[in-house]
Structures are given as structure tokens and as C-alpha cells.
């Protein structure tokens, strides 16, 4: 079974009905049907919360997180080892540290695909499978 690692840009595209939102919706539907798994790193979950709160306020942020939680989107926490692996990914690729958690999570096993709209991830394309959503 494929595990899709959704970064914050992918989830925000879905929430704002922007380019690629249909692909993220397809992944979520597949997750709900049990055909695949959808996960997001805790660092990206925090970015989703922060951006949503900044744009729409705390109440809307709480509603959005609740809705995503109802989809069963699994938030994967980092432990010390994964934080170090993410730091090494940052050092080796130059991608932002928060984004390196997505790469680290996608690299934990076979059949994992990182889904993103953030082209900063291009530097990690040889390390993990990345599905880039279309540009806006």
C-alpha cells in the first residue's frame, strides 16, 4: 500500500482549492477508502495551523484541524533520531529544516511518496519519490 506524505503546501492547496487540490482530494478519498495511507509530519501540521490562524483566525484554524483529523490524516511526530536525520537532510540538500521532516518521513520505507507544491524539495528528488503538484 502506498503511503502519501502530505506536506503543508499540499494540504493548504487542498484547503484553498488551488492548483493540485483535486489530486490531494483524490489521495484523501483513497485514504478514507483504505486504498492508501495519508500522513503529515508534525512540523508541517504546525505550519498548516499557523498559516490558517494567521489568515483566518484561531476559530477557523481549530475547525480546519478538526476537519483534517476527521479524515484520519495521521500526524507523525518526530523523535530525536528522526530530528537528527532531518537535520542531516537539511545539511546535505539545503532545503529548509521543516521541509526536511517531510523528506525524512517519506524516506522511512518503500512505497512512500512525498506530495508537495513546494519546489524547494527538488534538491531531495534523488533521495525520495516526490510528486509535485502543479504551479499556481
C-alpha atoms as a PDB file:
ATOM      1  CA  UNK A   1       0.000   0.000   0.000  1.00  0.00           C
ATOM      2  CA  UNK A   2       1.287   3.471  -0.863  1.00  0.00           C
ATOM      3  CA  UNK A   3       1.790   5.987   1.910  1.00  0.00           C
ATOM      4  CA  UNK A   4       1.449   9.597   0.810  1.00  0.00           C
ATOM      5  CA  UNK A   5       3.346  12.127   2.913  1.00  0.00           C
ATOM      6  CA  UNK A   6       1.451  15.394   2.522  1.00  0.00           C
ATOM      7  CA  UNK A   7       3.474  18.472   3.321  1.00  0.00           C
ATOM      8  CA  UNK A   8       1.873  21.736   4.422  1.00  0.00           C
ATOM      9  CA  UNK A   9       1.834  23.198   0.901  1.00  0.00           C
ATOM     10  CA  UNK A  10      -0.165  20.215  -0.404  1.00  0.00           C
ATOM     11  CA  UNK A  11      -2.711  20.420   2.404  1.00  0.00           C
ATOM     12  CA  UNK A  12      -3.021  24.199   2.059  1.00  0.00           C
ATOM     13  CA  UNK A  13      -3.582  23.822  -1.696  1.00  0.00           C
ATOM     14  CA  UNK A  14      -6.394  21.397  -0.866  1.00  0.00           C
ATOM     15  CA  UNK A  15      -7.920  23.696   1.738  1.00  0.00           C
ATOM     16  CA  UNK A  16      -7.803  26.729  -0.570  1.00  0.00           C
ATOM     17  CA  UNK A  17      -8.995  24.836  -3.656  1.00  0.00           C
ATOM     18  CA  UNK A  18      -5.865  25.811  -5.556  1.00  0.00           C
ATOM     19  CA  UNK A  19      -3.901  24.030  -8.285  1.00  0.00           C
ATOM     20  CA  UNK A  20      -3.453  20.392  -7.312  1.00  0.00           C
ATOM     21  CA  UNK A  21      -6.300  20.361  -4.783  1.00  0.00           C
ATOM     22  CA  UNK A  22      -8.067  17.696  -6.838  1.00  0.00           C
ATOM     23  CA  UNK A  23      -5.031  15.398  -6.512  1.00  0.00           C
ATOM     24  CA  UNK A  24      -4.885  15.883  -2.746  1.00  0.00           C
ATOM     25  CA  UNK A  25      -8.651  15.231  -2.541  1.00  0.00           C
ATOM     26  CA  UNK A  26      -8.088  12.008  -4.504  1.00  0.00           C
ATOM     27  CA  UNK A  27      -5.414  10.927  -2.007  1.00  0.00           C
ATOM     28  CA  UNK A  28      -7.692  11.731   0.945  1.00  0.00           C
ATOM     29  CA  UNK A  29     -10.561   9.756  -0.649  1.00  0.00           C
ATOM     30  CA  UNK A  30      -8.205   6.832  -1.214  1.00  0.00           C
ATOM     31  CA  UNK A  31      -7.092   7.072   2.410  1.00  0.00           C
ATOM     32  CA  UNK A  32     -10.693   7.042   3.627  1.00  0.00           C
ATOM     33  CA  UNK A  33     -11.419   4.020   1.407  1.00  0.00           C
ATOM     34  CA  UNK A  34      -8.393   2.175   2.781  1.00  0.00           C
ATOM     35  CA  UNK A  35      -6.607   2.130  -0.589  1.00  0.00           C
ATOM     36  CA  UNK A  36      -3.628   4.168   0.634  1.00  0.00           C
ATOM     37  CA  UNK A  37      -2.397   5.946   3.742  1.00  0.00           C
ATOM     38  CA  UNK A  38      -2.107   9.732   4.132  1.00  0.00           C
ATOM     39  CA  UNK A  39       0.246  11.177   6.744  1.00  0.00           C
ATOM     40  CA  UNK A  40       1.829  14.524   7.517  1.00  0.00           C
ATOM     41  CA  UNK A  41       4.862  15.371   9.637  1.00  0.00           C
ATOM     42  CA  UNK A  42       4.047  17.189  12.884  1.00  0.00           C
ATOM     43  CA  UNK A  43       6.199  20.139  11.783  1.00  0.00           C
ATOM     44  CA  UNK A  44       4.024  20.562   8.688  1.00  0.00           C
ATOM     45  CA  UNK A  45       0.864  20.177  10.778  1.00  0.00           C
ATOM     46  CA  UNK A  46       2.119  23.133  12.796  1.00  0.00           C
ATOM     47  CA  UNK A  47       2.680  25.136   9.616  1.00  0.00           C
ATOM     48  CA  UNK A  48      -0.873  24.387   8.485  1.00  0.00           C
ATOM     49  CA  UNK A  49      -2.158  25.558  11.867  1.00  0.00           C
ATOM     50  CA  UNK A  50      -0.044  28.715  11.908  1.00  0.00           C
ATOM     51  CA  UNK A  51      -0.843  29.805   8.370  1.00  0.00           C
ATOM     52  CA  UNK A  52      -4.548  29.106   8.805  1.00  0.00           C
ATOM     53  CA  UNK A  53      -4.635  31.010  12.101  1.00  0.00           C
ATOM     54  CA  UNK A  54      -2.797  33.972  10.601  1.00  0.00           C
ATOM     55  CA  UNK A  55      -5.133  34.154   7.601  1.00  0.00           C
ATOM     56  CA  UNK A  56      -8.483  33.321   9.215  1.00  0.00           C
ATOM     57  CA  UNK A  57      -8.147  33.342  12.998  1.00  0.00           C
ATOM     58  CA  UNK A  58      -7.953  30.763  15.720  1.00  0.00           C
ATOM     59  CA  UNK A  59     -11.537  29.527  15.466  1.00  0.00           C
ATOM     60  CA  UNK A  60     -11.174  28.729  11.753  1.00  0.00           C
ATOM     61  CA  UNK A  61      -7.817  27.082  12.447  1.00  0.00           C
ATOM     62  CA  UNK A  62      -9.426  24.796  15.006  1.00  0.00           C
ATOM     63  CA  UNK A  63     -12.222  23.905  12.568  1.00  0.00           C
ATOM     64  CA  UNK A  64      -9.738  23.139   9.788  1.00  0.00           C
ATOM     65  CA  UNK A  65      -7.592  20.927  12.028  1.00  0.00           C
ATOM     66  CA  UNK A  66     -10.696  19.140  13.266  1.00  0.00           C
ATOM     67  CA  UNK A  67     -11.862  18.538   9.689  1.00  0.00           C
ATOM     68  CA  UNK A  68      -8.462  17.174   8.690  1.00  0.00           C
ATOM     69  CA  UNK A  69      -8.457  14.997  11.777  1.00  0.00           C
ATOM     70  CA  UNK A  70     -11.878  13.626  10.805  1.00  0.00           C
ATOM     71  CA  UNK A  71     -10.322  12.470   7.526  1.00  0.00           C
ATOM     72  CA  UNK A  72      -7.955  10.367   9.591  1.00  0.00           C
ATOM     73  CA  UNK A  73      -4.896  12.243   8.376  1.00  0.00           C
ATOM     74  CA  UNK A  74      -2.197  10.840  10.633  1.00  0.00           C
ATOM     75  CA  UNK A  75       0.189  13.382  12.156  1.00  0.00           C
ATOM     76  CA  UNK A  76       3.601  11.779  12.653  1.00  0.00           C
ATOM     77  CA  UNK A  77       5.687  13.173  15.480  1.00  0.00           C
ATOM     78  CA  UNK A  78       9.446  13.428  15.348  1.00  0.00           C
ATOM     79  CA  UNK A  79      11.683  11.764  17.893  1.00  0.00           C
ATOM     80  CA  UNK A  80      15.331  12.518  18.494  1.00  0.00           C
ATOM     81  CA  UNK A  81      16.569  10.162  15.787  1.00  0.00           C
ATOM     82  CA  UNK A  82      14.207  11.493  13.124  1.00  0.00           C
ATOM     83  CA  UNK A  83      15.108  15.076  14.071  1.00  0.00           C
ATOM     84  CA  UNK A  84      18.789  14.267  13.526  1.00  0.00           C
ATOM     85  CA  UNK A  85      18.022  12.567  10.194  1.00  0.00           C
ATOM     86  CA  UNK A  86      16.041  15.678   9.178  1.00  0.00           C
ATOM     87  CA  UNK A  87      18.983  17.894  10.164  1.00  0.00           C
ATOM     88  CA  UNK A  88      21.320  15.800   8.032  1.00  0.00           C
ATOM     89  CA  UNK A  89      18.904  16.044   5.100  1.00  0.00           C
ATOM     90  CA  UNK A  90      18.941  19.832   5.525  1.00  0.00           C
ATOM     91  CA  UNK A  91      22.739  19.876   5.547  1.00  0.00           C
ATOM     92  CA  UNK A  92      23.012  17.590   2.509  1.00  0.00           C
ATOM     93  CA  UNK A  93      20.287  19.178   0.350  1.00  0.00           C
ATOM     94  CA  UNK A  94      19.991  22.748   1.604  1.00  0.00           C
ATOM     95  CA  UNK A  95      16.222  22.522   1.907  1.00  0.00           C
ATOM     96  CA  UNK A  96      14.553  24.263   4.871  1.00  0.00           C
ATOM     97  CA  UNK A  97      14.648  22.301   8.131  1.00  0.00           C
ATOM     98  CA  UNK A  98      10.856  21.997   8.426  1.00  0.00           C
ATOM     99  CA  UNK A  99      10.706  20.600   4.892  1.00  0.00           C
ATOM    100  CA  UNK A 100      13.418  18.090   5.710  1.00  0.00           C
ATOM    101  CA  UNK A 101      10.943  16.373   8.059  1.00  0.00           C
ATOM    102  CA  UNK A 102       8.787  15.581   5.028  1.00  0.00           C
ATOM    103  CA  UNK A 103      11.759  14.065   3.231  1.00  0.00           C
ATOM    104  CA  UNK A 104      12.753  12.141   6.351  1.00  0.00           C
ATOM    105  CA  UNK A 105       9.246  10.718   6.745  1.00  0.00           C
ATOM    106  CA  UNK A 106       8.987   9.827   3.051  1.00  0.00           C
ATOM    107  CA  UNK A 107      12.337   8.066   3.274  1.00  0.00           C
ATOM    108  CA  UNK A 108      11.318   5.733   6.084  1.00  0.00           C
ATOM    109  CA  UNK A 109      10.223   2.929   3.793  1.00  0.00           C
ATOM    110  CA  UNK A 110       9.229   1.695   0.385  1.00  0.00           C
ATOM    111  CA  UNK A 111       6.042   2.815  -1.322  1.00  0.00           C
ATOM    112  CA  UNK A 112       6.155   6.297   0.184  1.00  0.00           C
ATOM    113  CA  UNK A 113       5.527   9.379  -1.904  1.00  0.00           C
ATOM    114  CA  UNK A 114       6.056  12.940  -0.728  1.00  0.00           C
ATOM    115  CA  UNK A 115       3.321  15.195  -2.148  1.00  0.00           C
ATOM    116  CA  UNK A 116       4.143  18.892  -2.298  1.00  0.00           C
ATOM    117  CA  UNK A 117       3.621  22.152  -4.147  1.00  0.00           C
ATOM    118  CA  UNK A 118       6.958  23.430  -2.854  1.00  0.00           C
ATOM    119  CA  UNK A 119       9.694  23.226  -5.451  1.00  0.00           C
ATOM    120  CA  UNK A 120      12.366  23.646  -2.736  1.00  0.00           C
ATOM    121  CA  UNK A 121      12.087  19.858  -2.488  1.00  0.00           C
ATOM    122  CA  UNK A 122      13.730  19.369  -5.897  1.00  0.00           C
ATOM    123  CA  UNK A 123      17.088  19.078  -4.145  1.00  0.00           C
ATOM    124  CA  UNK A 124      15.856  15.876  -2.460  1.00  0.00           C
ATOM    125  CA  UNK A 125      14.366  14.197  -5.547  1.00  0.00           C
ATOM    126  CA  UNK A 126      17.132  11.594  -5.742  1.00  0.00           C
ATOM    127  CA  UNK A 127      16.570  10.546  -2.114  1.00  0.00           C
ATOM    128  CA  UNK A 128      12.790  10.022  -2.119  1.00  0.00           C
ATOM    129  CA  UNK A 129       9.880   9.804  -4.532  1.00  0.00           C
ATOM    130  CA  UNK A 130       8.269  13.231  -4.853  1.00  0.00           C
ATOM    131  CA  UNK A 131       5.014  14.121  -6.554  1.00  0.00           C
ATOM    132  CA  UNK A 132       4.944  17.824  -7.317  1.00  0.00           C
ATOM    133  CA  UNK A 133       1.567  19.496  -7.544  1.00  0.00           C
ATOM    134  CA  UNK A 134       1.133  21.949 -10.441  1.00  0.00           C
ATOM    135  CA  UNK A 135       2.314  25.522 -10.076  1.00  0.00           C
ATOM    136  CA  UNK A 136      -0.366  28.082  -9.260  1.00  0.00           C
END
